[in-house]
Amino acid sequence: DEFFPVSHVRLWALQLILVTCPSLLVVMHVAYREAREKKYRE
């Protein structure tokens, strides 16, 4: 516990989750725009 306070594997898992989430937010923003455009055309 003194030498490995946090495991490499768990740190990498948290890092990959935080790194990939912003790209999904861009997709969600585009989907929000498309939904607004669809309602406006209706």
PDB file of all heavy atoms in Angstrom:
ATOM      1  N   ASP A   1       0.821  -1.207   0.000  1.00  0.00           N
ATOM      2  CA  ASP A   1       0.000   0.000   0.000  1.00  0.00           C
ATOM      3  C   ASP A   1       0.860   1.264   0.000  1.00  0.00           C
ATOM      4  O   ASP A   1       0.469   2.283  -0.576  1.00  0.00           O
ATOM      5  CB  ASP A   1      -0.937  -0.004   1.217  1.00  0.00           C
ATOM      6  CG  ASP A   1      -1.863   1.181   1.231  1.00  0.00           C
ATOM      7  OD1 ASP A   1      -2.776   1.225   0.377  1.00  0.00           O
ATOM      8  OD2 ASP A   1      -1.685   2.075   2.079  1.00  0.00           O
ATOM      9  N   GLU A   2       2.033   1.199   0.642  1.00  0.00           N
ATOM     10  CA  GLU A   2       2.914   2.363   0.668  1.00  0.00           C
ATOM     11  C   GLU A   2       3.532   2.626  -0.704  1.00  0.00           C
ATOM     12  O   GLU A   2       3.639   3.783  -1.121  1.00  0.00           O
ATOM     13  CB  GLU A   2       4.025   2.153   1.698  1.00  0.00           C
ATOM     14  CG  GLU A   2       4.984   3.335   1.817  1.00  0.00           C
ATOM     15  CD  GLU A   2       6.067   3.099   2.855  1.00  0.00           C
ATOM     16  OE1 GLU A   2       6.040   2.031   3.502  1.00  0.00           O
ATOM     17  OE2 GLU A   2       6.928   3.984   3.020  1.00  0.00           O
ATOM     18  N   PHE A   3       3.898   1.578  -1.394  1.00  0.00           N
ATOM     19  CA  PHE A   3       4.552   1.773  -2.682  1.00  0.00           C
ATOM     20  C   PHE A   3       3.543   1.896  -3.829  1.00  0.00           C
ATOM     21  O   PHE A   3       3.803   2.586  -4.814  1.00  0.00           O
ATOM     22  CB  PHE A   3       5.510   0.615  -2.968  1.00  0.00           C
ATOM     23  CG  PHE A   3       6.391   0.871  -4.156  1.00  0.00           C
ATOM     24  CD1 PHE A   3       7.439   1.771  -4.078  1.00  0.00           C
ATOM     25  CD2 PHE A   3       6.151   0.227  -5.355  1.00  0.00           C
ATOM     26  CE1 PHE A   3       8.241   2.023  -5.178  1.00  0.00           C
ATOM     27  CE2 PHE A   3       6.960   0.455  -6.456  1.00  0.00           C
ATOM     28  CZ  PHE A   3       8.007   1.364  -6.371  1.00  0.00           C
ATOM     29  N   PHE A   4       2.391   1.236  -3.728  1.00  0.00           N
ATOM     30  CA  PHE A   4       1.336   1.315  -4.750  1.00  0.00           C
ATOM     31  C   PHE A   4       0.083   1.934  -4.130  1.00  0.00           C
ATOM     32  O   PHE A   4      -0.896   1.238  -3.868  1.00  0.00           O
ATOM     33  CB  PHE A   4       0.998  -0.080  -5.295  1.00  0.00           C
ATOM     34  CG  PHE A   4       2.088  -0.695  -6.122  1.00  0.00           C
ATOM     35  CD1 PHE A   4       2.947  -1.629  -5.559  1.00  0.00           C
ATOM     36  CD2 PHE A   4       2.260  -0.347  -7.447  1.00  0.00           C
ATOM     37  CE1 PHE A   4       3.948  -2.207  -6.316  1.00  0.00           C
ATOM     38  CE2 PHE A   4       3.260  -0.925  -8.210  1.00  0.00           C
ATOM     39  CZ  PHE A   4       4.110  -1.842  -7.640  1.00  0.00           C
ATOM     40  N   PRO A   5       0.081   3.238  -3.867  1.00  0.00           N
ATOM     41  CA  PRO A   5      -1.127   3.853  -3.282  1.00  0.00           C
ATOM     42  C   PRO A   5      -2.332   3.745  -4.212  1.00  0.00           C
ATOM     43  O   PRO A   5      -3.467   3.612  -3.758  1.00  0.00           O
ATOM     44  CB  PRO A   5      -0.716   5.308  -3.062  1.00  0.00           C
ATOM     45  CG  PRO A   5       0.432   5.531  -3.983  1.00  0.00           C
ATOM     46  CD  PRO A   5       1.143   4.227  -4.107  1.00  0.00           C
ATOM     47  N   VAL A   6      -2.086   3.840  -5.517  1.00  0.00           N
ATOM     48  CA  VAL A   6      -3.149   3.657  -6.520  1.00  0.00           C
ATOM     49  C   VAL A   6      -2.587   2.756  -7.608  1.00  0.00           C
ATOM     50  O   VAL A   6      -1.467   2.964  -8.082  1.00  0.00           O
ATOM     51  CB  VAL A   6      -3.613   4.999  -7.117  1.00  0.00           C
ATOM     52  CG1 VAL A   6      -4.749   4.766  -8.102  1.00  0.00           C
ATOM     53  CG2 VAL A   6      -4.052   5.957  -6.030  1.00  0.00           C
ATOM     54  N   SER A   7      -3.363   1.795  -8.017  1.00  0.00           N
ATOM     55  CA  SER A   7      -2.910   0.869  -9.040  1.00  0.00           C
ATOM     56  C   SER A   7      -2.825   1.554 -10.400  1.00  0.00           C
ATOM     57  O   SER A   7      -3.619   2.456 -10.716  1.00  0.00           O
ATOM     58  CB  SER A   7      -3.858  -0.324  -9.126  1.00  0.00           C
ATOM     59  OG  SER A   7      -3.512  -1.163 -10.207  1.00  0.00           O
ATOM     60  N   HIS A   8      -1.854   1.135 -11.202  1.00  0.00           N
ATOM     61  CA  HIS A   8      -1.738   1.658 -12.564  1.00  0.00           C
ATOM     62  C   HIS A   8      -3.021   1.430 -13.356  1.00  0.00           C
ATOM     63  O   HIS A   8      -3.487   2.309 -14.090  1.00  0.00           O
ATOM     64  CB  HIS A   8      -0.574   0.960 -13.287  1.00  0.00           C
ATOM     65  CG  HIS A   8       0.780   1.401 -12.837  1.00  0.00           C
ATOM     66  ND1 HIS A   8       1.278   1.128 -11.588  1.00  0.00           N
ATOM     67  CD2 HIS A   8       1.763   2.095 -13.488  1.00  0.00           C
ATOM     68  CE1 HIS A   8       2.495   1.627 -11.471  1.00  0.00           C
ATOM     69  NE2 HIS A   8       2.818   2.205 -12.613  1.00  0.00           N
ATOM     70  N   VAL A   9      -3.582   0.248 -13.213  1.00  0.00           N
ATOM     71  CA  VAL A   9      -4.748  -0.118 -14.007  1.00  0.00           C
ATOM     72  C   VAL A   9      -5.931   0.794 -13.691  1.00  0.00           C
ATOM     73  O   VAL A   9      -6.635   1.263 -14.595  1.00  0.00           O
ATOM     74  CB  VAL A   9      -5.105  -1.594 -13.755  1.00  0.00           C
ATOM     75  CG1 VAL A   9      -6.383  -1.968 -14.489  1.00  0.00           C
ATOM     76  CG2 VAL A   9      -3.967  -2.494 -14.192  1.00  0.00           C
ATOM     77  N   ARG A  10      -6.155   1.092 -12.424  1.00  0.00           N
ATOM     78  CA  ARG A  10      -7.280   1.934 -12.044  1.00  0.00           C
ATOM     79  C   ARG A  10      -7.045   3.384 -12.464  1.00  0.00           C
ATOM     80  O   ARG A  10      -7.981   4.086 -12.872  1.00  0.00           O
ATOM     81  CB  ARG A  10      -7.514   1.834 -10.539  1.00  0.00           C
ATOM     82  CG  ARG A  10      -8.053   0.465 -10.127  1.00  0.00           C
ATOM     83  CD  ARG A  10      -8.120   0.311  -8.624  1.00  0.00           C
ATOM     84  NE  ARG A  10      -8.660  -0.980  -8.240  1.00  0.00           N
ATOM     85  CZ  ARG A  10      -7.971  -2.106  -8.183  1.00  0.00           C
ATOM     86  NH1 ARG A  10      -6.673  -2.093  -8.475  1.00  0.00           N
ATOM     87  NH2 ARG A  10      -8.541  -3.242  -7.839  1.00  0.00           N
ATOM     88  N   LEU A  11      -5.815   3.845 -12.379  1.00  0.00           N
ATOM     89  CA  LEU A  11      -5.520   5.192 -12.862  1.00  0.00           C
ATOM     90  C   LEU A  11      -5.738   5.309 -14.364  1.00  0.00           C
ATOM     91  O   LEU A  11      -6.286   6.298 -14.860  1.00  0.00           O
ATOM     92  CB  LEU A  11      -4.071   5.563 -12.505  1.00  0.00           C
ATOM     93  CG  LEU A  11      -3.820   6.153 -11.117  1.00  0.00           C
ATOM     94  CD1 LEU A  11      -2.338   6.407 -10.925  1.00  0.00           C
ATOM     95  CD2 LEU A  11      -4.603   7.445 -10.928  1.00  0.00           C
ATOM     96  N   TRP A  12      -5.301   4.310 -15.105  1.00  0.00           N
ATOM     97  CA  TRP A  12      -5.514   4.336 -16.555  1.00  0.00           C
ATOM     98  C   TRP A  12      -6.992   4.275 -16.899  1.00  0.00           C
ATOM     99  O   TRP A  12      -7.450   4.928 -17.844  1.00  0.00           O
ATOM    100  CB  TRP A  12      -4.773   3.172 -17.205  1.00  0.00           C
ATOM    101  CG  TRP A  12      -3.301   3.401 -17.333  1.00  0.00           C
ATOM    102  CD1 TRP A  12      -2.665   4.601 -17.487  1.00  0.00           C
ATOM    103  CD2 TRP A  12      -2.274   2.407 -17.306  1.00  0.00           C
ATOM    104  NE1 TRP A  12      -1.306   4.427 -17.542  1.00  0.00           N
ATOM    105  CE2 TRP A  12      -1.032   3.084 -17.444  1.00  0.00           C
ATOM    106  CE3 TRP A  12      -2.274   1.024 -17.177  1.00  0.00           C
ATOM    107  CZ2 TRP A  12       0.187   2.418 -17.467  1.00  0.00           C
ATOM    108  CZ3 TRP A  12      -1.059   0.357 -17.211  1.00  0.00           C
ATOM    109  CH2 TRP A  12       0.158   1.051 -17.354  1.00  0.00           C
ATOM    110  N   ALA A  13      -7.759   3.480 -16.160  1.00  0.00           N
ATOM    111  CA  ALA A  13      -9.200   3.398 -16.421  1.00  0.00           C
ATOM    112  C   ALA A  13      -9.865   4.759 -16.208  1.00  0.00           C
ATOM    113  O   ALA A  13     -10.658   5.222 -17.050  1.00  0.00           O
ATOM    114  CB  ALA A  13      -9.835   2.346 -15.510  1.00  0.00           C
ATOM    115  N   LEU A  14      -9.536   5.426 -15.105  1.00  0.00           N
ATOM    116  CA  LEU A  14     -10.096   6.753 -14.852  1.00  0.00           C
ATOM    117  C   LEU A  14      -9.647   7.757 -15.903  1.00  0.00           C
ATOM    118  O   LEU A  14     -10.436   8.593 -16.370  1.00  0.00           O
ATOM    119  CB  LEU A  14      -9.677   7.216 -13.453  1.00  0.00           C
ATOM    120  CG  LEU A  14     -10.202   8.579 -12.998  1.00  0.00           C
ATOM    121  CD1 LEU A  14     -11.715   8.589 -12.968  1.00  0.00           C
ATOM    122  CD2 LEU A  14      -9.632   8.945 -11.628  1.00  0.00           C
ATOM    123  N   GLN A  15      -8.381   7.673 -16.316  1.00  0.00           N
ATOM    124  CA  GLN A  15      -7.855   8.577 -17.333  1.00  0.00           C
ATOM    125  C   GLN A  15      -8.590   8.393 -18.664  1.00  0.00           C
ATOM    126  O   GLN A  15      -8.986   9.379 -19.308  1.00  0.00           O
ATOM    127  CB  GLN A  15      -6.361   8.334 -17.516  1.00  0.00           C
ATOM    128  CG  GLN A  15      -5.708   9.233 -18.553  1.00  0.00           C
ATOM    129  CD  GLN A  15      -4.230   8.922 -18.712  1.00  0.00           C
ATOM    130  OE1 GLN A  15      -3.716   7.988 -18.101  1.00  0.00           O
ATOM    131  NE2 GLN A  15      -3.545   9.697 -19.522  1.00  0.00           N
ATOM    132  N   LEU A  16      -8.785   7.160 -19.095  1.00  0.00           N
ATOM    133  CA  LEU A  16      -9.453   6.910 -20.369  1.00  0.00           C
ATOM    134  C   LEU A  16     -10.919   7.343 -20.338  1.00  0.00           C
ATOM    135  O   LEU A  16     -11.449   7.851 -21.329  1.00  0.00           O
ATOM    136  CB  LEU A  16      -9.347   5.426 -20.722  1.00  0.00           C
ATOM    137  CG  LEU A  16      -7.937   4.933 -21.066  1.00  0.00           C
ATOM    138  CD1 LEU A  16      -7.933   3.418 -21.255  1.00  0.00           C
ATOM    139  CD2 LEU A  16      -7.417   5.621 -22.318  1.00  0.00           C
ATOM    140  N   ILE A  17     -11.574   7.172 -19.208  1.00  0.00           N
ATOM    141  CA  ILE A  17     -12.965   7.615 -19.094  1.00  0.00           C
ATOM    142  C   ILE A  17     -13.056   9.134 -19.225  1.00  0.00           C
ATOM    143  O   ILE A  17     -13.883   9.677 -19.974  1.00  0.00           O
ATOM    144  CB  ILE A  17     -13.569   7.141 -17.766  1.00  0.00           C
ATOM    145  CG1 ILE A  17     -13.752   5.622 -17.783  1.00  0.00           C
ATOM    146  CG2 ILE A  17     -14.911   7.812 -17.499  1.00  0.00           C
ATOM    147  CD1 ILE A  17     -14.164   5.039 -16.450  1.00  0.00           C
ATOM    148  N   LEU A  18     -12.192   9.850 -18.500  1.00  0.00           N
ATOM    149  CA  LEU A  18     -12.225  11.312 -18.551  1.00  0.00           C
ATOM    150  C   LEU A  18     -11.796  11.856 -19.908  1.00  0.00           C
ATOM    151  O   LEU A  18     -12.268  12.907 -20.336  1.00  0.00           O
ATOM    152  CB  LEU A  18     -11.325  11.885 -17.450  1.00  0.00           C
ATOM    153  CG  LEU A  18     -11.784  11.632 -16.011  1.00  0.00           C
ATOM    154  CD1 LEU A  18     -10.770  12.194 -15.033  1.00  0.00           C
ATOM    155  CD2 LEU A  18     -13.152  12.239 -15.765  1.00  0.00           C
ATOM    156  N   VAL A  19     -10.906  11.155 -20.596  1.00  0.00           N
ATOM    157  CA  VAL A  19     -10.418  11.634 -21.884  1.00  0.00           C
ATOM    158  C   VAL A  19     -11.471  11.459 -22.985  1.00  0.00           C
ATOM    159  O   VAL A  19     -11.591  12.299 -23.877  1.00  0.00           O
ATOM    160  CB  VAL A  19      -9.102  10.908 -22.249  1.00  0.00           C
ATOM    161  CG1 VAL A  19      -8.795  11.032 -23.721  1.00  0.00           C
ATOM    162  CG2 VAL A  19      -7.953  11.502 -21.457  1.00  0.00           C
ATOM    163  N   THR A  20     -12.213  10.369 -22.940  1.00  0.00           N
ATOM    164  CA  THR A  20     -13.169  10.091 -24.012  1.00  0.00           C
ATOM    165  C   THR A  20     -14.523  10.764 -23.823  1.00  0.00           C
ATOM    166  O   THR A  20     -15.263  10.927 -24.800  1.00  0.00           O
ATOM    167  CB  THR A  20     -13.385   8.575 -24.130  1.00  0.00           C
ATOM    168  OG1 THR A  20     -13.754   8.041 -22.846  1.00  0.00           O
ATOM    169  CG2 THR A  20     -12.122   7.889 -24.608  1.00  0.00           C
ATOM    170  N   CYS A  21     -14.863  11.165 -22.615  1.00  0.00           N
ATOM    171  CA  CYS A  21     -16.175  11.783 -22.381  1.00  0.00           C
ATOM    172  C   CYS A  21     -16.386  13.090 -23.155  1.00  0.00           C
ATOM    173  O   CYS A  21     -17.474  13.311 -23.694  1.00  0.00           O
ATOM    174  CB  CYS A  21     -16.384  12.017 -20.883  1.00  0.00           C
ATOM    175  SG  CYS A  21     -16.877  10.534 -19.986  1.00  0.00           S
ATOM    176  N   PRO A  22     -15.420  14.025 -23.246  1.00  0.00           N
ATOM    177  CA  PRO A  22     -15.663  15.256 -23.997  1.00  0.00           C
ATOM    178  C   PRO A  22     -16.022  15.034 -25.456  1.00  0.00           C
ATOM    179  O   PRO A  22     -16.826  15.790 -26.020  1.00  0.00           O
ATOM    180  CB  PRO A  22     -14.335  16.016 -23.859  1.00  0.00           C
ATOM    181  CG  PRO A  22     -13.737  15.512 -22.600  1.00  0.00           C
ATOM    182  CD  PRO A  22     -14.134  14.078 -22.535  1.00  0.00           C
ATOM    183  N   SER A  23     -15.473  14.007 -26.107  1.00  0.00           N
ATOM    184  CA  SER A  23     -15.837  13.723 -27.491  1.00  0.00           C
ATOM    185  C   SER A  23     -17.304  13.311 -27.596  1.00  0.00           C
ATOM    186  O   SER A  23     -17.994  13.663 -28.563  1.00  0.00           O
ATOM    187  CB  SER A  23     -14.942  12.612 -28.046  1.00  0.00           C
ATOM    188  OG  SER A  23     -13.585  13.015 -28.044  1.00  0.00           O
ATOM    189  N   LEU A  24     -17.798  12.595 -26.605  1.00  0.00           N
ATOM    190  CA  LEU A  24     -19.211  12.233 -26.595  1.00  0.00           C
ATOM    191  C   LEU A  24     -20.091  13.453 -26.359  1.00  0.00           C
ATOM    192  O   LEU A  24     -21.220  13.517 -26.873  1.00  0.00           O
ATOM    193  CB  LEU A  24     -19.473  11.175 -25.521  1.00  0.00           C
ATOM    194  CG  LEU A  24     -18.680   9.876 -25.660  1.00  0.00           C
ATOM    195  CD1 LEU A  24     -19.044   8.910 -24.542  1.00  0.00           C
ATOM    196  CD2 LEU A  24     -18.922   9.237 -27.009  1.00  0.00           C
ATOM    197  N   LEU A  25     -19.602  14.444 -25.621  1.00  0.00           N
ATOM    198  CA  LEU A  25     -20.369  15.675 -25.426  1.00  0.00           C
ATOM    199  C   LEU A  25     -20.542  16.423 -26.740  1.00  0.00           C
ATOM    200  O   LEU A  25     -21.584  17.046 -26.984  1.00  0.00           O
ATOM    201  CB  LEU A  25     -19.672  16.566 -24.397  1.00  0.00           C
ATOM    202  CG  LEU A  25     -19.680  16.072 -22.951  1.00  0.00           C
ATOM    203  CD1 LEU A  25     -18.913  17.039 -22.057  1.00  0.00           C
ATOM    204  CD2 LEU A  25     -21.107  15.917 -22.445  1.00  0.00           C
ATOM    205  N   VAL A  26     -19.532  16.377 -27.612  1.00  0.00           N
ATOM    206  CA  VAL A  26     -19.658  17.014 -28.924  1.00  0.00           C
ATOM    207  C   VAL A  26     -20.758  16.337 -29.733  1.00  0.00           C
ATOM    208  O   VAL A  26     -21.579  17.001 -30.381  1.00  0.00           O
ATOM    209  CB  VAL A  26     -18.304  16.957 -29.665  1.00  0.00           C
ATOM    210  CG1 VAL A  26     -18.451  17.484 -31.092  1.00  0.00           C
ATOM    211  CG2 VAL A  26     -17.254  17.769 -28.925  1.00  0.00           C
ATOM    212  N   VAL A  27     -20.801  15.011 -29.710  1.00  0.00           N
ATOM    213  CA  VAL A  27     -21.854  14.271 -30.416  1.00  0.00           C
ATOM    214  C   VAL A  27     -23.227  14.625 -29.844  1.00  0.00           C
ATOM    215  O   VAL A  27     -24.202  14.804 -30.592  1.00  0.00           O
ATOM    216  CB  VAL A  27     -21.584  12.760 -30.329  1.00  0.00           C
ATOM    217  CG1 VAL A  27     -22.702  11.967 -30.992  1.00  0.00           C
ATOM    218  CG2 VAL A  27     -20.258  12.423 -30.973  1.00  0.00           C
ATOM    219  N   MET A  28     -23.335  14.741 -28.521  1.00  0.00           N
ATOM    220  CA  MET A  28     -24.602  15.112 -27.896  1.00  0.00           C
ATOM    221  C   MET A  28     -25.018  16.520 -28.283  1.00  0.00           C
ATOM    222  O   MET A  28     -26.205  16.792 -28.488  1.00  0.00           O
ATOM    223  CB  MET A  28     -24.480  14.979 -26.379  1.00  0.00           C
ATOM    224  CG  MET A  28     -24.301  13.557 -25.899  1.00  0.00           C
ATOM    225  SD  MET A  28     -23.954  13.446 -24.118  1.00  0.00           S
ATOM    226  CE  MET A  28     -25.442  14.159 -23.443  1.00  0.00           C
ATOM    227  N   HIS A  29     -24.061  17.441 -28.398  1.00  0.00           N
ATOM    228  CA  HIS A  29     -24.381  18.813 -28.817  1.00  0.00           C
ATOM    229  C   HIS A  29     -24.920  18.819 -30.248  1.00  0.00           C
ATOM    230  O   HIS A  29     -25.883  19.527 -30.554  1.00  0.00           O
ATOM    231  CB  HIS A  29     -23.137  19.687 -28.711  1.00  0.00           C
ATOM    232  CG  HIS A  29     -23.442  21.152 -28.775  1.00  0.00           C
ATOM    233  ND1 HIS A  29     -22.551  22.120 -28.362  1.00  0.00           N
ATOM    234  CD2 HIS A  29     -24.532  21.846 -29.211  1.00  0.00           C
ATOM    235  CE1 HIS A  29     -23.075  23.311 -28.536  1.00  0.00           C
ATOM    236  NE2 HIS A  29     -24.271  23.169 -29.063  1.00  0.00           N
ATOM    237  N   VAL A  30     -24.320  18.037 -31.135  1.00  0.00           N
ATOM    238  CA  VAL A  30     -24.814  17.948 -32.513  1.00  0.00           C
ATOM    239  C   VAL A  30     -26.213  17.348 -32.540  1.00  0.00           C
ATOM    240  O   VAL A  30     -27.098  17.820 -33.281  1.00  0.00           O
ATOM    241  CB  VAL A  30     -23.840  17.129 -33.375  1.00  0.00           C
ATOM    242  CG1 VAL A  30     -24.413  16.933 -34.773  1.00  0.00           C
ATOM    243  CG2 VAL A  30     -22.500  17.827 -33.469  1.00  0.00           C
ATOM    244  N   ALA A  31     -26.442  16.319 -31.735  1.00  0.00           N
ATOM    245  CA  ALA A  31     -27.780  15.718 -31.673  1.00  0.00           C
ATOM    246  C   ALA A  31     -28.810  16.722 -31.149  1.00  0.00           C
ATOM    247  O   ALA A  31     -29.961  16.754 -31.624  1.00  0.00           O
ATOM    248  CB  ALA A  31     -27.746  14.476 -30.780  1.00  0.00           C
ATOM    249  N   TYR A  32     -28.412  17.558 -30.194  1.00  0.00           N
ATOM    250  CA  TYR A  32     -29.310  18.606 -29.688  1.00  0.00           C
ATOM    251  C   TYR A  32     -29.645  19.606 -30.785  1.00  0.00           C
ATOM    252  O   TYR A  32     -30.805  20.019 -30.940  1.00  0.00           O
ATOM    253  CB  TYR A  32     -28.642  19.300 -28.506  1.00  0.00           C
ATOM    254  CG  TYR A  32     -29.321  20.575 -28.068  1.00  0.00           C
ATOM    255  CD1 TYR A  32     -30.520  20.541 -27.358  1.00  0.00           C
ATOM    256  CD2 TYR A  32     -28.760  21.827 -28.356  1.00  0.00           C
ATOM    257  CE1 TYR A  32     -31.146  21.710 -26.958  1.00  0.00           C
ATOM    258  CE2 TYR A  32     -29.382  22.991 -27.955  1.00  0.00           C
ATOM    259  CZ  TYR A  32     -30.571  22.935 -27.263  1.00  0.00           C
ATOM    260  OH  TYR A  32     -31.186  24.097 -26.875  1.00  0.00           O
ATOM    261  N   ARG A  33     -28.658  19.988 -31.581  1.00  0.00           N
ATOM    262  CA  ARG A  33     -28.909  20.901 -32.701  1.00  0.00           C
ATOM    263  C   ARG A  33     -29.861  20.279 -33.721  1.00  0.00           C
ATOM    264  O   ARG A  33     -30.777  20.953 -34.220  1.00  0.00           O
ATOM    265  CB  ARG A  33     -27.594  21.253 -33.380  1.00  0.00           C
ATOM    266  CG  ARG A  33     -26.792  22.345 -32.705  1.00  0.00           C
ATOM    267  CD  ARG A  33     -25.607  22.718 -33.571  1.00  0.00           C
ATOM    268  NE  ARG A  33     -25.057  24.002 -33.215  1.00  0.00           N
ATOM    269  CZ  ARG A  33     -24.206  24.688 -33.968  1.00  0.00           C
ATOM    270  NH1 ARG A  33     -23.815  24.171 -35.126  1.00  0.00           N
ATOM    271  NH2 ARG A  33     -23.760  25.854 -33.592  1.00  0.00           N
ATOM    272  N   GLU A  34     -29.644  19.036 -34.039  1.00  0.00           N
ATOM    273  CA  GLU A  34     -30.509  18.366 -35.014  1.00  0.00           C
ATOM    274  C   GLU A  34     -31.940  18.259 -34.495  1.00  0.00           C
ATOM    275  O   GLU A  34     -32.900  18.413 -35.275  1.00  0.00           O
ATOM    276  CB  GLU A  34     -29.948  16.979 -35.318  1.00  0.00           C
ATOM    277  CG  GLU A  34     -28.631  17.012 -36.083  1.00  0.00           C
ATOM    278  CD  GLU A  34     -28.043  15.626 -36.278  1.00  0.00           C
ATOM    279  OE1 GLU A  34     -28.528  14.679 -35.615  1.00  0.00           O
ATOM    280  OE2 GLU A  34     -27.092  15.494 -37.076  1.00  0.00           O
ATOM    281  N   ALA A  35     -32.112  18.014 -33.203  1.00  0.00           N
ATOM    282  CA  ALA A  35     -33.467  17.949 -32.638  1.00  0.00           C
ATOM    283  C   ALA A  35     -34.144  19.315 -32.701  1.00  0.00           C
ATOM    284  O   ALA A  35     -35.342  19.419 -33.027  1.00  0.00           O
ATOM    285  CB  ALA A  35     -33.397  17.444 -31.193  1.00  0.00           C
ATOM    286  N   ARG A  36     -33.413  20.383 -32.402  1.00  0.00           N
ATOM    287  CA  ARG A  36     -33.984  21.736 -32.501  1.00  0.00           C
ATOM    288  C   ARG A  36     -34.361  22.072 -33.934  1.00  0.00           C
ATOM    289  O   ARG A  36     -35.422  22.663 -34.195  1.00  0.00           O
ATOM    290  CB  ARG A  36     -32.983  22.764 -31.984  1.00  0.00           C
ATOM    291  CG  ARG A  36     -32.825  22.814 -30.488  1.00  0.00           C
ATOM    292  CD  ARG A  36     -32.087  24.072 -30.061  1.00  0.00           C
ATOM    293  NE  ARG A  36     -32.828  25.268 -30.450  1.00  0.00           N
ATOM    294  CZ  ARG A  36     -32.338  26.513 -30.391  1.00  0.00           C
ATOM    295  NH1 ARG A  36     -31.093  26.691 -29.998  1.00  0.00           N
ATOM    296  NH2 ARG A  36     -33.078  27.536 -30.742  1.00  0.00           N
ATOM    297  N   GLU A  37     -33.502  21.703 -34.871  1.00  0.00           N
ATOM    298  CA  GLU A  37     -33.794  21.964 -36.280  1.00  0.00           C
ATOM    299  C   GLU A  37     -35.041  21.203 -36.728  1.00  0.00           C
ATOM    300  O   GLU A  37     -35.879  21.736 -37.469  1.00  0.00           O
ATOM    301  CB  GLU A  37     -32.586  21.557 -37.135  1.00  0.00           C
ATOM    302  CG  GLU A  37     -32.767  21.716 -38.620  1.00  0.00           C
ATOM    303  CD  GLU A  37     -32.909  23.161 -39.061  1.00  0.00           C
ATOM    304  OE1 GLU A  37     -32.453  24.058 -38.330  1.00  0.00           O
ATOM    305  OE2 GLU A  37     -33.474  23.387 -40.146  1.00  0.00           O
ATOM    306  N   LYS A  38     -35.196  19.976 -36.279  1.00  0.00           N
ATOM    307  CA  LYS A  38     -36.356  19.179 -36.646  1.00  0.00           C
ATOM    308  C   LYS A  38     -37.643  19.789 -36.091  1.00  0.00           C
ATOM    309  O   LYS A  38     -38.659  19.890 -36.803  1.00  0.00           O
ATOM    310  CB  LYS A  38     -36.171  17.754 -36.126  1.00  0.00           C
ATOM    311  CG  LYS A  38     -37.289  16.815 -36.524  1.00  0.00           C
ATOM    312  CD  LYS A  38     -37.022  15.404 -36.013  1.00  0.00           C
ATOM    313  CE  LYS A  38     -38.161  14.465 -36.404  1.00  0.00           C
ATOM    314  NZ  LYS A  38     -37.913  13.081 -35.894  1.00  0.00           N
ATOM    315  N   LYS A  39     -37.629  20.227 -34.827  1.00  0.00           N
ATOM    316  CA  LYS A  39     -38.816  20.854 -34.240  1.00  0.00           C
ATOM    317  C   LYS A  39     -39.145  22.164 -34.944  1.00  0.00           C
ATOM    318  O   LYS A  39     -40.319  22.490 -35.177  1.00  0.00           O
ATOM    319  CB  LYS A  39     -38.586  21.093 -32.750  1.00  0.00           C
ATOM    320  CG  LYS A  39     -38.542  19.821 -31.917  1.00  0.00           C
ATOM    321  CD  LYS A  39     -38.350  20.149 -30.444  1.00  0.00           C
ATOM    322  CE  LYS A  39     -38.315  18.882 -29.606  1.00  0.00           C
ATOM    323  NZ  LYS A  39     -38.113  19.173 -28.157  1.00  0.00           N
ATOM    324  N   TYR A  40     -38.110  22.935 -35.291  1.00  0.00           N
ATOM    325  CA  TYR A  40     -38.346  24.209 -35.977  1.00  0.00           C
ATOM    326  C   TYR A  40     -38.969  23.983 -37.346  1.00  0.00           C
ATOM    327  O   TYR A  40     -39.897  24.708 -37.743  1.00  0.00           O
ATOM    328  CB  TYR A  40     -37.012  24.949 -36.111  1.00  0.00           C
ATOM    329  CG  TYR A  40     -37.119  26.292 -36.808  1.00  0.00           C
ATOM    330  CD1 TYR A  40     -37.594  27.401 -36.127  1.00  0.00           C
ATOM    331  CD2 TYR A  40     -36.756  26.435 -38.143  1.00  0.00           C
ATOM    332  CE1 TYR A  40     -37.699  28.635 -36.758  1.00  0.00           C
ATOM    333  CE2 TYR A  40     -36.848  27.653 -38.783  1.00  0.00           C
ATOM    334  CZ  TYR A  40     -37.318  28.752 -38.089  1.00  0.00           C
ATOM    335  OH  TYR A  40     -37.420  29.961 -38.723  1.00  0.00           O
ATOM    336  N   ARG A  41     -38.517  22.971 -38.080  1.00  0.00           N
ATOM    337  CA  ARG A  41     -39.090  22.683 -39.395  1.00  0.00           C
ATOM    338  C   ARG A  41     -40.530  22.198 -39.274  1.00  0.00           C
ATOM    339  O   ARG A  41     -41.360  22.469 -40.152  1.00  0.00           O
ATOM    340  CB  ARG A  41     -38.229  21.613 -40.087  1.00  0.00           C
ATOM    341  CG  ARG A  41     -36.806  22.041 -40.368  1.00  0.00           C
ATOM    342  CD  ARG A  41     -36.743  23.107 -41.440  1.00  0.00           C
ATOM    343  NE  ARG A  41     -37.165  22.609 -42.725  1.00  0.00           N
ATOM    344  CZ  ARG A  41     -36.356  21.947 -43.559  1.00  0.00           C
ATOM    345  NH1 ARG A  41     -35.088  21.725 -43.207  1.00  0.00           N
ATOM    346  NH2 ARG A  41     -36.808  21.536 -44.713  1.00  0.00           N
ATOM    347  N   GLU A  42     -40.846  21.495 -38.190  1.00  0.00           N
ATOM    348  CA  GLU A  42     -42.221  21.060 -37.992  1.00  0.00           C
ATOM    349  C   GLU A  42     -43.155  22.237 -37.710  1.00  0.00           C
ATOM    350  O   GLU A  42     -44.324  22.212 -38.085  1.00  0.00           O
ATOM    351  CB  GLU A  42     -42.285  20.062 -36.835  1.00  0.00           C
ATOM    352  CG  GLU A  42     -41.635  18.717 -37.143  1.00  0.00           C
ATOM    353  CD  GLU A  42     -41.631  17.795 -35.946  1.00  0.00           C
ATOM    354  OE1 GLU A  42     -42.044  18.273 -34.848  1.00  0.00           O
ATOM    355  OE2 GLU A  42     -41.211  16.629 -36.078  1.00  0.00           O
TER     356      GLU A  42
END
